[in-house]
N, C-alpha and C. Protein backbone atom coordinates (compact mmCIF):
# COMPACT_ATOMS: atom_id res chain seq x y z
N UNK A 1 22.21 -22.41 16.98
CA UNK A 1 21.42 -21.59 16.06
C UNK A 1 22.32 -21.13 14.92
N UNK A 2 21.83 -21.23 13.70
CA UNK A 2 22.66 -20.92 12.55
C UNK A 2 22.95 -19.43 12.45
N UNK A 3 24.21 -19.10 12.15
CA UNK A 3 24.60 -17.71 11.90
C UNK A 3 24.48 -17.45 10.40
N UNK A 4 23.69 -16.45 10.05
CA UNK A 4 23.45 -16.16 8.64
C UNK A 4 24.57 -15.31 8.06
N UNK A 5 25.03 -15.71 6.89
CA UNK A 5 26.06 -14.95 6.20
C UNK A 5 25.42 -13.80 5.43
N UNK A 6 26.26 -12.93 4.88
CA UNK A 6 25.75 -11.83 4.06
C UNK A 6 25.00 -12.36 2.85
N UNK A 7 25.49 -13.46 2.26
CA UNK A 7 24.81 -14.05 1.11
C UNK A 7 23.44 -14.59 1.51
N UNK A 8 23.36 -15.23 2.68
CA UNK A 8 22.08 -15.74 3.17
C UNK A 8 21.06 -14.60 3.29
N UNK A 9 21.51 -13.49 3.88
CA UNK A 9 20.59 -12.37 4.07
C UNK A 9 20.18 -11.76 2.73
N UNK A 10 21.11 -11.69 1.79
CA UNK A 10 20.80 -11.16 0.47
C UNK A 10 19.76 -12.03 -0.23
N UNK A 11 19.94 -13.35 -0.15
CA UNK A 11 18.99 -14.25 -0.79
C UNK A 11 17.62 -14.18 -0.12
N UNK A 12 17.61 -14.03 1.20
CA UNK A 12 16.34 -13.92 1.92
C UNK A 12 15.58 -12.67 1.48
N UNK A 13 16.30 -11.58 1.30
CA UNK A 13 15.65 -10.34 0.90
C UNK A 13 15.18 -10.39 -0.55
N UNK A 14 15.95 -11.04 -1.40
CA UNK A 14 15.51 -11.22 -2.79
C UNK A 14 14.25 -12.07 -2.84
N UNK A 15 14.21 -13.10 -1.96
CA UNK A 15 13.02 -13.95 -1.89
C UNK A 15 11.80 -13.15 -1.45
N UNK A 16 11.97 -12.22 -0.51
CA UNK A 16 10.85 -11.39 -0.06
C UNK A 16 10.29 -10.56 -1.20
N UNK A 17 11.19 -10.01 -2.03
CA UNK A 17 10.74 -9.23 -3.18
C UNK A 17 9.95 -10.08 -4.17
N UNK A 18 10.47 -11.26 -4.45
CA UNK A 18 9.78 -12.14 -5.40
C UNK A 18 8.42 -12.57 -4.87
N UNK A 19 8.34 -12.85 -3.58
CA UNK A 19 7.07 -13.25 -2.99
C UNK A 19 6.06 -12.11 -3.06
N UNK A 20 6.52 -10.90 -2.83
CA UNK A 20 5.61 -9.76 -2.92
C UNK A 20 5.14 -9.55 -4.35
N UNK A 21 6.05 -9.75 -5.31
CA UNK A 21 5.68 -9.56 -6.72
C UNK A 21 4.66 -10.58 -7.18
N UNK A 22 4.79 -11.80 -6.69
CA UNK A 22 3.90 -12.88 -7.16
C UNK A 22 2.83 -13.23 -6.15
N UNK A 23 2.91 -12.64 -4.95
CA UNK A 23 1.99 -12.92 -3.84
C UNK A 23 2.07 -14.37 -3.41
N UNK A 24 3.22 -15.00 -3.63
CA UNK A 24 3.44 -16.39 -3.22
C UNK A 24 3.44 -16.49 -1.70
N UNK A 25 2.65 -17.43 -1.17
CA UNK A 25 2.62 -17.65 0.27
C UNK A 25 1.87 -16.59 1.04
N UNK A 26 1.23 -15.64 0.34
CA UNK A 26 0.51 -14.58 1.03
C UNK A 26 -0.79 -15.13 1.62
N UNK A 27 -1.13 -14.63 2.80
CA UNK A 27 -2.35 -15.04 3.45
C UNK A 27 -3.07 -13.81 3.99
N UNK A 28 -4.39 -13.88 3.99
CA UNK A 28 -5.17 -12.83 4.61
C UNK A 28 -5.19 -13.08 6.11
N UNK A 29 -4.64 -12.15 6.88
CA UNK A 29 -4.50 -12.37 8.32
C UNK A 29 -5.68 -11.82 9.11
N UNK A 30 -6.38 -10.84 8.55
CA UNK A 30 -7.52 -10.23 9.25
C UNK A 30 -8.77 -10.34 8.39
N UNK A 31 -9.93 -10.52 9.01
CA UNK A 31 -11.17 -10.59 8.21
C UNK A 31 -11.43 -9.28 7.49
N UNK A 32 -12.15 -9.35 6.40
CA UNK A 32 -12.46 -8.16 5.63
C UNK A 32 -13.44 -7.28 6.38
N UNK A 33 -13.10 -6.01 6.60
CA UNK A 33 -14.04 -5.11 7.29
C UNK A 33 -15.35 -4.99 6.50
N UNK A 34 -16.46 -4.97 7.23
CA UNK A 34 -17.76 -4.77 6.58
C UNK A 34 -18.38 -6.01 5.99
N UNK A 35 -17.74 -7.18 6.17
CA UNK A 35 -18.30 -8.41 5.61
C UNK A 35 -19.70 -8.69 6.13
N UNK A 36 -19.97 -8.24 7.35
CA UNK A 36 -21.27 -8.51 7.96
C UNK A 36 -22.32 -7.47 7.57
N UNK A 37 -21.92 -6.43 6.84
CA UNK A 37 -22.83 -5.35 6.48
C UNK A 37 -23.64 -5.71 5.23
N UNK A 38 -24.84 -5.14 5.09
CA UNK A 38 -25.63 -5.39 3.87
C UNK A 38 -24.93 -4.83 2.64
N UNK A 39 -25.21 -5.41 1.50
CA UNK A 39 -24.59 -4.99 0.24
C UNK A 39 -25.68 -4.74 -0.79
N UNK A 40 -26.41 -3.64 -0.64
CA UNK A 40 -27.53 -3.37 -1.55
C UNK A 40 -27.04 -3.10 -2.97
N UNK A 41 -27.84 -3.43 -3.99
CA UNK A 41 -27.44 -3.16 -5.37
C UNK A 41 -27.22 -1.66 -5.58
N UNK A 42 -26.17 -1.34 -6.30
CA UNK A 42 -25.87 0.06 -6.62
C UNK A 42 -26.27 0.36 -8.04
N UNK A 43 -26.70 1.58 -8.28
CA UNK A 43 -26.97 2.00 -9.65
C UNK A 43 -25.69 2.04 -10.47
N UNK A 44 -25.83 2.17 -11.77
CA UNK A 44 -24.66 2.09 -12.64
C UNK A 44 -23.62 3.15 -12.31
N UNK A 45 -24.07 4.39 -12.09
CA UNK A 45 -23.14 5.47 -11.78
C UNK A 45 -22.41 5.27 -10.46
N UNK A 46 -23.17 5.05 -9.35
CA UNK A 46 -22.49 4.81 -8.06
C UNK A 46 -21.59 3.59 -8.08
N UNK A 47 -22.01 2.52 -8.80
CA UNK A 47 -21.18 1.32 -8.86
C UNK A 47 -19.88 1.61 -9.61
N UNK A 48 -19.95 2.40 -10.68
CA UNK A 48 -18.75 2.75 -11.43
C UNK A 48 -17.80 3.59 -10.57
N UNK A 49 -18.37 4.52 -9.82
CA UNK A 49 -17.55 5.35 -8.93
C UNK A 49 -16.87 4.50 -7.87
N UNK A 50 -17.65 3.63 -7.22
CA UNK A 50 -17.09 2.78 -6.16
C UNK A 50 -15.99 1.88 -6.71
N UNK A 51 -16.24 1.29 -7.89
CA UNK A 51 -15.24 0.39 -8.48
C UNK A 51 -13.97 1.15 -8.83
N UNK A 52 -14.11 2.34 -9.40
CA UNK A 52 -12.94 3.14 -9.75
C UNK A 52 -12.10 3.48 -8.53
N UNK A 53 -12.76 3.88 -7.46
CA UNK A 53 -12.02 4.25 -6.24
C UNK A 53 -11.37 3.03 -5.59
N UNK A 54 -12.08 1.91 -5.57
CA UNK A 54 -11.48 0.71 -4.97
C UNK A 54 -10.35 0.17 -5.84
N UNK A 55 -10.42 0.39 -7.15
CA UNK A 55 -9.31 0.00 -8.03
C UNK A 55 -8.07 0.86 -7.72
N UNK A 56 -8.30 2.15 -7.51
CA UNK A 56 -7.20 3.03 -7.12
C UNK A 56 -6.59 2.56 -5.80
N UNK A 57 -7.45 2.20 -4.85
CA UNK A 57 -6.96 1.74 -3.55
C UNK A 57 -6.17 0.44 -3.68
N UNK A 58 -6.64 -0.46 -4.54
CA UNK A 58 -5.92 -1.72 -4.76
C UNK A 58 -4.54 -1.44 -5.35
N UNK A 59 -4.48 -0.56 -6.34
CA UNK A 59 -3.19 -0.22 -6.93
C UNK A 59 -2.27 0.42 -5.89
N UNK A 60 -2.84 1.24 -5.01
CA UNK A 60 -2.04 1.82 -3.94
C UNK A 60 -1.41 0.76 -3.05
N UNK A 61 -2.15 -0.33 -2.83
CA UNK A 61 -1.62 -1.42 -2.01
C UNK A 61 -0.55 -2.22 -2.76
N UNK A 62 -0.70 -2.36 -4.07
CA UNK A 62 0.36 -2.98 -4.88
C UNK A 62 1.65 -2.17 -4.73
N UNK A 63 1.52 -0.85 -4.83
CA UNK A 63 2.68 0.02 -4.68
C UNK A 63 3.26 -0.07 -3.27
N UNK A 64 2.39 -0.14 -2.27
CA UNK A 64 2.85 -0.22 -0.88
C UNK A 64 3.64 -1.49 -0.64
N UNK A 65 3.15 -2.62 -1.18
CA UNK A 65 3.88 -3.87 -1.05
C UNK A 65 5.29 -3.73 -1.64
N UNK A 66 5.36 -3.16 -2.84
CA UNK A 66 6.65 -3.00 -3.50
C UNK A 66 7.57 -2.08 -2.72
N UNK A 67 7.02 -0.96 -2.24
CA UNK A 67 7.84 0.00 -1.51
C UNK A 67 8.38 -0.59 -0.21
N UNK A 68 7.49 -1.19 0.58
CA UNK A 68 7.92 -1.70 1.88
C UNK A 68 8.93 -2.83 1.74
N UNK A 69 8.66 -3.77 0.84
CA UNK A 69 9.55 -4.93 0.73
C UNK A 69 10.90 -4.52 0.14
N UNK A 70 10.90 -3.62 -0.85
CA UNK A 70 12.18 -3.18 -1.43
C UNK A 70 12.98 -2.36 -0.42
N UNK A 71 12.30 -1.54 0.38
CA UNK A 71 13.00 -0.78 1.41
C UNK A 71 13.55 -1.72 2.49
N UNK A 72 12.77 -2.73 2.84
CA UNK A 72 13.25 -3.70 3.83
C UNK A 72 14.47 -4.46 3.31
N UNK A 73 14.50 -4.72 2.01
CA UNK A 73 15.60 -5.48 1.43
C UNK A 73 16.94 -4.76 1.60
N UNK A 74 16.90 -3.43 1.66
CA UNK A 74 18.14 -2.66 1.77
C UNK A 74 18.29 -1.97 3.12
N UNK A 75 17.38 -2.25 4.05
CA UNK A 75 17.47 -1.61 5.37
C UNK A 75 18.75 -2.04 6.09
N UNK A 76 19.40 -1.11 6.74
CA UNK A 76 20.64 -1.40 7.45
C UNK A 76 20.37 -1.92 8.87
N UNK A 77 19.28 -1.47 9.47
CA UNK A 77 18.93 -1.84 10.83
C UNK A 77 17.89 -2.96 10.81
N UNK A 78 18.17 -4.06 11.51
CA UNK A 78 17.27 -5.22 11.47
C UNK A 78 15.91 -4.91 12.08
N UNK A 79 15.88 -4.09 13.13
CA UNK A 79 14.60 -3.75 13.75
C UNK A 79 13.72 -2.98 12.77
N UNK A 80 14.32 -2.04 12.05
CA UNK A 80 13.56 -1.26 11.06
C UNK A 80 13.13 -2.16 9.91
N UNK A 81 14.00 -3.10 9.55
CA UNK A 81 13.65 -4.04 8.48
C UNK A 81 12.42 -4.86 8.85
N UNK A 82 12.39 -5.39 10.06
CA UNK A 82 11.26 -6.21 10.49
C UNK A 82 9.98 -5.36 10.58
N UNK A 83 10.12 -4.11 11.00
CA UNK A 83 8.96 -3.22 11.07
C UNK A 83 8.39 -2.97 9.67
N UNK A 84 9.27 -2.79 8.68
CA UNK A 84 8.82 -2.59 7.31
C UNK A 84 8.10 -3.83 6.77
N UNK A 85 8.64 -5.00 7.07
CA UNK A 85 8.01 -6.23 6.60
C UNK A 85 6.66 -6.47 7.28
N UNK A 86 6.55 -6.11 8.54
CA UNK A 86 5.27 -6.26 9.24
C UNK A 86 4.24 -5.32 8.62
N UNK A 87 4.66 -4.09 8.31
CA UNK A 87 3.74 -3.16 7.64
C UNK A 87 3.33 -3.70 6.28
N UNK A 88 4.28 -4.32 5.57
CA UNK A 88 3.96 -4.91 4.26
C UNK A 88 2.92 -6.01 4.40
N UNK A 89 2.99 -6.78 5.48
CA UNK A 89 2.00 -7.83 5.69
C UNK A 89 0.62 -7.24 5.93
N UNK A 90 0.56 -6.11 6.65
CA UNK A 90 -0.73 -5.45 6.85
C UNK A 90 -1.25 -4.90 5.53
N UNK A 91 -0.36 -4.36 4.71
CA UNK A 91 -0.78 -3.87 3.39
C UNK A 91 -1.30 -5.04 2.54
N UNK A 92 -0.75 -6.25 2.79
CA UNK A 92 -1.25 -7.42 2.08
C UNK A 92 -2.71 -7.70 2.40
N UNK A 93 -3.12 -7.46 3.66
CA UNK A 93 -4.54 -7.57 3.99
C UNK A 93 -5.36 -6.58 3.17
N UNK A 94 -4.87 -5.34 3.09
CA UNK A 94 -5.58 -4.32 2.32
C UNK A 94 -5.76 -4.77 0.87
N UNK A 95 -4.71 -5.38 0.34
CA UNK A 95 -4.74 -5.84 -1.05
C UNK A 95 -5.88 -6.83 -1.26
N UNK A 96 -5.99 -7.80 -0.35
CA UNK A 96 -7.07 -8.79 -0.43
C UNK A 96 -8.44 -8.13 -0.30
N UNK A 97 -8.57 -7.22 0.67
CA UNK A 97 -9.86 -6.58 0.89
C UNK A 97 -10.33 -5.83 -0.36
N UNK A 98 -9.41 -5.07 -0.97
CA UNK A 98 -9.78 -4.29 -2.16
C UNK A 98 -10.12 -5.21 -3.33
N UNK A 99 -9.33 -6.27 -3.49
CA UNK A 99 -9.59 -7.20 -4.60
C UNK A 99 -10.93 -7.90 -4.41
N UNK A 100 -11.23 -8.30 -3.19
CA UNK A 100 -12.51 -8.94 -2.90
C UNK A 100 -13.67 -8.00 -3.20
N UNK A 101 -13.52 -6.74 -2.79
CA UNK A 101 -14.60 -5.77 -3.02
C UNK A 101 -14.78 -5.49 -4.51
N UNK A 102 -13.69 -5.41 -5.26
CA UNK A 102 -13.80 -5.20 -6.70
C UNK A 102 -14.56 -6.35 -7.35
N UNK A 103 -14.31 -7.57 -6.91
CA UNK A 103 -15.04 -8.73 -7.43
C UNK A 103 -16.53 -8.59 -7.12
N UNK A 104 -16.85 -8.19 -5.91
CA UNK A 104 -18.25 -8.01 -5.52
C UNK A 104 -18.92 -6.93 -6.35
N UNK A 105 -18.16 -5.92 -6.75
CA UNK A 105 -18.69 -4.83 -7.56
C UNK A 105 -18.71 -5.18 -9.05
N UNK A 106 -18.25 -6.39 -9.40
CA UNK A 106 -18.24 -6.82 -10.79
C UNK A 106 -17.19 -6.11 -11.61
N UNK A 107 -16.09 -5.72 -10.98
CA UNK A 107 -15.05 -4.97 -11.68
C UNK A 107 -13.72 -5.71 -11.59
N UNK A 108 -12.64 -5.03 -11.93
CA UNK A 108 -11.33 -5.66 -12.05
C UNK A 108 -10.25 -4.77 -11.45
N UNK A 109 -9.09 -5.35 -11.18
CA UNK A 109 -7.94 -4.58 -10.73
C UNK A 109 -7.33 -3.85 -11.92
N UNK A 110 -6.43 -2.91 -11.64
CA UNK A 110 -5.81 -2.14 -12.71
C UNK A 110 -4.91 -3.02 -13.58
N UNK A 111 -5.04 -2.87 -14.86
CA UNK A 111 -4.19 -3.62 -15.80
C UNK A 111 -2.76 -3.10 -15.80
N UNK A 112 -2.55 -1.97 -15.15
CA UNK A 112 -1.20 -1.38 -15.08
C UNK A 112 -0.46 -1.76 -13.81
N UNK A 113 -1.04 -2.64 -12.99
CA UNK A 113 -0.42 -2.99 -11.71
C UNK A 113 1.03 -3.47 -11.83
N UNK A 114 1.37 -4.32 -12.82
CA UNK A 114 2.79 -4.73 -12.92
C UNK A 114 3.73 -3.55 -13.11
N UNK A 115 3.29 -2.56 -13.87
CA UNK A 115 4.12 -1.35 -14.07
C UNK A 115 4.29 -0.61 -12.75
N UNK A 116 3.19 -0.45 -12.01
CA UNK A 116 3.27 0.27 -10.73
C UNK A 116 4.18 -0.49 -9.76
N UNK A 117 4.11 -1.82 -9.77
CA UNK A 117 4.93 -2.60 -8.84
C UNK A 117 6.41 -2.40 -9.12
N UNK A 118 6.81 -2.52 -10.38
CA UNK A 118 8.23 -2.37 -10.74
C UNK A 118 8.72 -0.96 -10.42
N UNK A 119 7.92 0.04 -10.79
CA UNK A 119 8.32 1.42 -10.51
C UNK A 119 8.46 1.70 -9.03
N UNK A 120 7.54 1.15 -8.24
CA UNK A 120 7.58 1.36 -6.79
C UNK A 120 8.77 0.65 -6.16
N UNK A 121 9.12 -0.52 -6.68
CA UNK A 121 10.33 -1.20 -6.20
C UNK A 121 11.56 -0.33 -6.41
N UNK A 122 11.66 0.26 -7.59
CA UNK A 122 12.81 1.11 -7.89
C UNK A 122 12.86 2.31 -6.95
N UNK A 123 11.70 2.94 -6.72
CA UNK A 123 11.64 4.10 -5.82
C UNK A 123 12.02 3.68 -4.39
N UNK A 124 11.50 2.54 -3.96
CA UNK A 124 11.79 2.06 -2.61
C UNK A 124 13.28 1.80 -2.41
N UNK A 125 13.92 1.24 -3.42
CA UNK A 125 15.35 0.96 -3.31
C UNK A 125 16.18 2.24 -3.26
N UNK A 126 15.77 3.24 -4.04
CA UNK A 126 16.48 4.53 -4.00
C UNK A 126 16.33 5.15 -2.62
N UNK A 127 15.11 5.10 -2.07
CA UNK A 127 14.87 5.66 -0.74
C UNK A 127 15.71 4.93 0.30
N UNK A 128 15.73 3.60 0.22
CA UNK A 128 16.47 2.81 1.20
C UNK A 128 17.97 3.04 1.09
N UNK A 129 18.46 3.21 -0.13
CA UNK A 129 19.90 3.42 -0.33
C UNK A 129 20.37 4.75 0.27
N UNK A 130 19.42 5.66 0.51
CA UNK A 130 19.77 6.96 1.09
C UNK A 130 20.01 6.87 2.58
N UNK A 131 19.66 5.73 3.19
CA UNK A 131 19.83 5.56 4.63
C UNK A 131 18.50 5.35 5.32
N UNK A 132 18.52 4.71 6.48
CA UNK A 132 17.29 4.33 7.15
C UNK A 132 16.42 5.52 7.54
N UNK A 133 17.02 6.61 8.00
CA UNK A 133 16.21 7.77 8.41
C UNK A 133 15.48 8.37 7.23
N UNK A 134 16.14 8.46 6.07
CA UNK A 134 15.47 8.98 4.89
C UNK A 134 14.44 8.00 4.36
N UNK A 135 14.76 6.72 4.47
CA UNK A 135 13.81 5.70 4.05
C UNK A 135 12.53 5.78 4.89
N UNK A 136 12.69 5.94 6.20
CA UNK A 136 11.53 6.09 7.07
C UNK A 136 10.79 7.40 6.80
N UNK A 137 11.54 8.43 6.45
CA UNK A 137 10.90 9.69 6.07
C UNK A 137 10.03 9.53 4.85
N UNK A 138 10.49 8.71 3.91
CA UNK A 138 9.71 8.43 2.72
C UNK A 138 8.43 7.66 3.08
N UNK A 139 8.56 6.70 4.00
CA UNK A 139 7.39 5.95 4.47
C UNK A 139 6.38 6.89 5.11
N UNK A 140 6.87 7.75 6.01
CA UNK A 140 5.96 8.66 6.71
C UNK A 140 5.22 9.56 5.73
N UNK A 141 5.94 10.17 4.81
CA UNK A 141 5.30 11.08 3.86
C UNK A 141 4.33 10.34 2.94
N UNK A 142 4.75 9.15 2.47
CA UNK A 142 3.86 8.36 1.62
C UNK A 142 2.56 8.05 2.33
N UNK A 143 2.67 7.60 3.58
CA UNK A 143 1.46 7.21 4.31
C UNK A 143 0.58 8.41 4.62
N UNK A 144 1.17 9.55 4.91
CA UNK A 144 0.35 10.73 5.19
C UNK A 144 -0.39 11.18 3.93
N UNK A 145 0.25 11.05 2.77
CA UNK A 145 -0.45 11.37 1.53
C UNK A 145 -1.55 10.36 1.25
N UNK A 146 -1.30 9.08 1.57
CA UNK A 146 -2.32 8.05 1.38
C UNK A 146 -3.52 8.32 2.28
N UNK A 147 -3.27 8.71 3.52
CA UNK A 147 -4.37 9.03 4.44
C UNK A 147 -5.24 10.14 3.85
N UNK A 148 -4.60 11.15 3.28
CA UNK A 148 -5.36 12.24 2.67
C UNK A 148 -6.20 11.74 1.49
N UNK A 149 -5.63 10.84 0.67
CA UNK A 149 -6.38 10.26 -0.45
C UNK A 149 -7.58 9.47 0.07
N UNK A 150 -7.37 8.67 1.11
CA UNK A 150 -8.45 7.83 1.63
C UNK A 150 -9.55 8.68 2.26
N UNK A 151 -9.17 9.77 2.91
CA UNK A 151 -10.18 10.70 3.42
C UNK A 151 -11.04 11.23 2.27
N UNK A 152 -10.37 11.54 1.16
CA UNK A 152 -11.11 12.00 -0.01
C UNK A 152 -12.03 10.94 -0.57
N UNK A 153 -11.58 9.68 -0.56
CA UNK A 153 -12.41 8.59 -1.06
C UNK A 153 -13.64 8.38 -0.19
N UNK A 154 -13.48 8.54 1.12
CA UNK A 154 -14.63 8.41 2.01
C UNK A 154 -15.68 9.48 1.72
N UNK A 155 -15.21 10.62 1.22
CA UNK A 155 -16.15 11.67 0.84
C UNK A 155 -16.81 11.43 -0.51
N UNK A 156 -16.21 10.57 -1.34
CA UNK A 156 -16.73 10.33 -2.70
C UNK A 156 -17.48 9.01 -2.85
N UNK A 157 -17.20 8.03 -1.99
CA UNK A 157 -17.89 6.75 -2.10
C UNK A 157 -19.39 6.94 -1.85
N UNK A 158 -20.23 6.20 -2.57
CA UNK A 158 -21.69 6.29 -2.33
C UNK A 158 -22.02 5.98 -0.87
N UNK A 159 -22.95 6.74 -0.30
CA UNK A 159 -23.32 6.54 1.10
C UNK A 159 -23.82 5.13 1.35
N UNK A 160 -24.50 4.56 0.35
CA UNK A 160 -25.10 3.23 0.53
C UNK A 160 -24.09 2.09 0.37
N UNK A 161 -22.86 2.41 -0.09
CA UNK A 161 -21.84 1.37 -0.27
C UNK A 161 -21.11 1.17 1.06
N UNK A 162 -21.79 0.52 1.99
CA UNK A 162 -21.27 0.38 3.35
C UNK A 162 -20.01 -0.48 3.40
N UNK A 163 -19.94 -1.49 2.55
CA UNK A 163 -18.78 -2.40 2.60
C UNK A 163 -17.50 -1.70 2.14
N UNK A 164 -17.57 -0.97 1.03
CA UNK A 164 -16.38 -0.25 0.57
C UNK A 164 -15.95 0.78 1.61
N UNK A 165 -16.91 1.46 2.20
CA UNK A 165 -16.60 2.49 3.19
C UNK A 165 -15.92 1.89 4.42
N UNK A 166 -16.38 0.70 4.84
CA UNK A 166 -15.76 0.04 6.00
C UNK A 166 -14.32 -0.34 5.70
N UNK A 167 -14.06 -0.84 4.49
CA UNK A 167 -12.70 -1.22 4.09
C UNK A 167 -11.78 0.00 4.09
N UNK A 168 -12.25 1.07 3.45
CA UNK A 168 -11.42 2.27 3.34
C UNK A 168 -11.15 2.88 4.71
N UNK A 169 -12.14 2.87 5.59
CA UNK A 169 -11.94 3.43 6.93
C UNK A 169 -10.87 2.65 7.70
N UNK A 170 -10.91 1.31 7.62
CA UNK A 170 -9.90 0.51 8.30
C UNK A 170 -8.51 0.72 7.69
N UNK A 171 -8.44 0.80 6.36
CA UNK A 171 -7.17 1.07 5.70
C UNK A 171 -6.61 2.41 6.16
N UNK A 172 -7.49 3.41 6.26
CA UNK A 172 -7.03 4.73 6.67
C UNK A 172 -6.39 4.67 8.06
N UNK A 173 -7.03 3.96 8.99
CA UNK A 173 -6.48 3.85 10.34
C UNK A 173 -5.11 3.16 10.33
N UNK A 174 -4.97 2.10 9.53
CA UNK A 174 -3.68 1.39 9.45
C UNK A 174 -2.59 2.29 8.88
N UNK A 175 -2.93 3.05 7.82
CA UNK A 175 -1.92 3.90 7.18
C UNK A 175 -1.48 5.02 8.12
N UNK A 176 -2.43 5.56 8.88
CA UNK A 176 -2.07 6.60 9.85
C UNK A 176 -1.11 6.05 10.89
N UNK A 177 -1.37 4.82 11.33
CA UNK A 177 -0.49 4.18 12.31
C UNK A 177 0.90 3.93 11.73
N UNK A 178 0.97 3.53 10.46
CA UNK A 178 2.28 3.32 9.83
C UNK A 178 3.07 4.64 9.77
N UNK A 179 2.38 5.73 9.44
CA UNK A 179 3.06 7.03 9.38
C UNK A 179 3.57 7.43 10.76
N UNK A 180 2.74 7.26 11.77
CA UNK A 180 3.13 7.63 13.14
C UNK A 180 4.30 6.76 13.62
N UNK A 181 4.27 5.48 13.27
CA UNK A 181 5.35 4.57 13.67
C UNK A 181 6.67 4.96 13.02
N UNK A 182 6.62 5.32 11.73
CA UNK A 182 7.84 5.75 11.04
C UNK A 182 8.42 7.00 11.69
N UNK A 183 7.55 7.91 12.08
CA UNK A 183 8.02 9.13 12.75
C UNK A 183 8.69 8.79 14.07
N UNK A 184 8.09 7.89 14.84
CA UNK A 184 8.65 7.51 16.14
C UNK A 184 9.99 6.80 15.99
N UNK A 185 10.20 6.14 14.86
CA UNK A 185 11.44 5.40 14.64
C UNK A 185 12.56 6.27 14.10
N UNK A 186 12.28 7.57 13.96
CA UNK A 186 13.35 8.50 13.58
C UNK A 186 13.32 8.96 12.14
N UNK A 187 12.13 9.00 11.52
CA UNK A 187 12.03 9.43 10.13
C UNK A 187 12.55 10.86 9.96
N UNK A 188 13.32 11.07 8.89
CA UNK A 188 13.82 12.40 8.57
C UNK A 188 12.79 13.13 7.71
N UNK A 189 12.48 14.39 8.02
CA UNK A 189 11.54 15.15 7.19
C UNK A 189 12.08 15.30 5.76
N UNK A 190 11.24 15.04 4.78
CA UNK A 190 11.68 15.14 3.39
C UNK A 190 11.62 16.58 2.91
N UNK A 191 12.52 16.96 1.99
CA UNK A 191 12.46 18.31 1.41
C UNK A 191 11.13 18.55 0.70
N UNK A 192 10.71 19.79 0.65
CA UNK A 192 9.42 20.14 0.05
C UNK A 192 9.35 19.69 -1.41
N UNK A 193 10.46 19.81 -2.14
CA UNK A 193 10.45 19.42 -3.55
C UNK A 193 10.17 17.93 -3.72
N UNK A 194 10.72 17.11 -2.81
CA UNK A 194 10.48 15.67 -2.87
C UNK A 194 9.03 15.36 -2.56
N UNK A 195 8.47 16.02 -1.54
CA UNK A 195 7.07 15.79 -1.20
C UNK A 195 6.15 16.18 -2.35
N UNK A 196 6.50 17.28 -3.02
CA UNK A 196 5.70 17.72 -4.15
C UNK A 196 5.77 16.73 -5.30
N UNK A 197 6.98 16.22 -5.59
CA UNK A 197 7.14 15.24 -6.65
C UNK A 197 6.36 13.96 -6.35
N UNK A 198 6.36 13.55 -5.08
CA UNK A 198 5.59 12.38 -4.67
C UNK A 198 4.10 12.60 -4.92
N UNK A 199 3.63 13.81 -4.62
CA UNK A 199 2.22 14.13 -4.86
C UNK A 199 1.86 14.08 -6.33
N UNK A 200 2.74 14.60 -7.18
CA UNK A 200 2.49 14.56 -8.63
C UNK A 200 2.44 13.11 -9.13
N UNK A 201 3.39 12.30 -8.68
CA UNK A 201 3.42 10.90 -9.09
C UNK A 201 2.15 10.18 -8.66
N UNK A 202 1.71 10.46 -7.44
CA UNK A 202 0.48 9.82 -6.94
C UNK A 202 -0.72 10.22 -7.78
N UNK A 203 -0.78 11.48 -8.21
CA UNK A 203 -1.92 11.92 -9.03
C UNK A 203 -1.96 11.19 -10.36
N UNK A 204 -0.80 10.98 -10.96
CA UNK A 204 -0.75 10.24 -12.22
C UNK A 204 -1.25 8.81 -12.01
N UNK A 205 -0.75 8.17 -10.96
CA UNK A 205 -1.14 6.79 -10.68
C UNK A 205 -2.63 6.67 -10.41
N UNK A 206 -3.16 7.55 -9.57
CA UNK A 206 -4.57 7.43 -9.21
C UNK A 206 -5.49 7.72 -10.40
N UNK A 207 -5.09 8.67 -11.22
CA UNK A 207 -5.92 9.01 -12.39
C UNK A 207 -5.97 7.84 -13.38
N UNK A 208 -4.81 7.26 -13.68
CA UNK A 208 -4.79 6.15 -14.63
C UNK A 208 -5.45 4.90 -14.07
N UNK A 209 -5.22 4.63 -12.78
CA UNK A 209 -5.77 3.42 -12.18
C UNK A 209 -7.28 3.47 -12.07
N UNK A 210 -7.82 4.65 -11.92
CA UNK A 210 -9.28 4.79 -11.80
C UNK A 210 -9.98 4.24 -13.04
N UNK A 211 -9.34 4.44 -14.21
CA UNK A 211 -9.99 4.07 -15.46
C UNK A 211 -9.45 2.78 -16.09
N UNK A 212 -8.18 2.46 -15.84
CA UNK A 212 -7.54 1.36 -16.58
C UNK A 212 -7.29 0.17 -15.66
């Protein structure tokens, strides 16, 4: 069995980042939740609301891909690295689900997604460079904030939009599991100022992505 050198591992991690950026080789591993549910026509207002929220969710998955893969690229512990990459693959399912639903709603993904991806990569690398426990702490806090956002979306999505609601509910369960897993793996609690800054950044992203 081949022994990988430091250069081999560096190139492998760079390749993971590039694949996440371009979605090269990505596959949908799980069926889209709610595919079997009816999809009644929505009025203009409810359809605009649903599309805006699903666009925000799609952008959140773009950011999640960037965060997880960039953190995995600098992870010191191989077990934690593989866990981050597995979570990134699950986020890839979310990405497909949201994009599919946006198409069904006759809408589009955020035109700012490339900006969010690059920014999230930079944040992920800073978190990872701080050490695995802090990196996991960042994952845990990010996912707990995402769960809160998704709970809010379930309260705002039109009641008759059963497909979007099914997607968001499944995403919420996955994100909660990612947060719990990070905690079990030894995540360090983040300072209050960092958590607050993360919340402000998320508000900017969600507001812009809803409309653009």
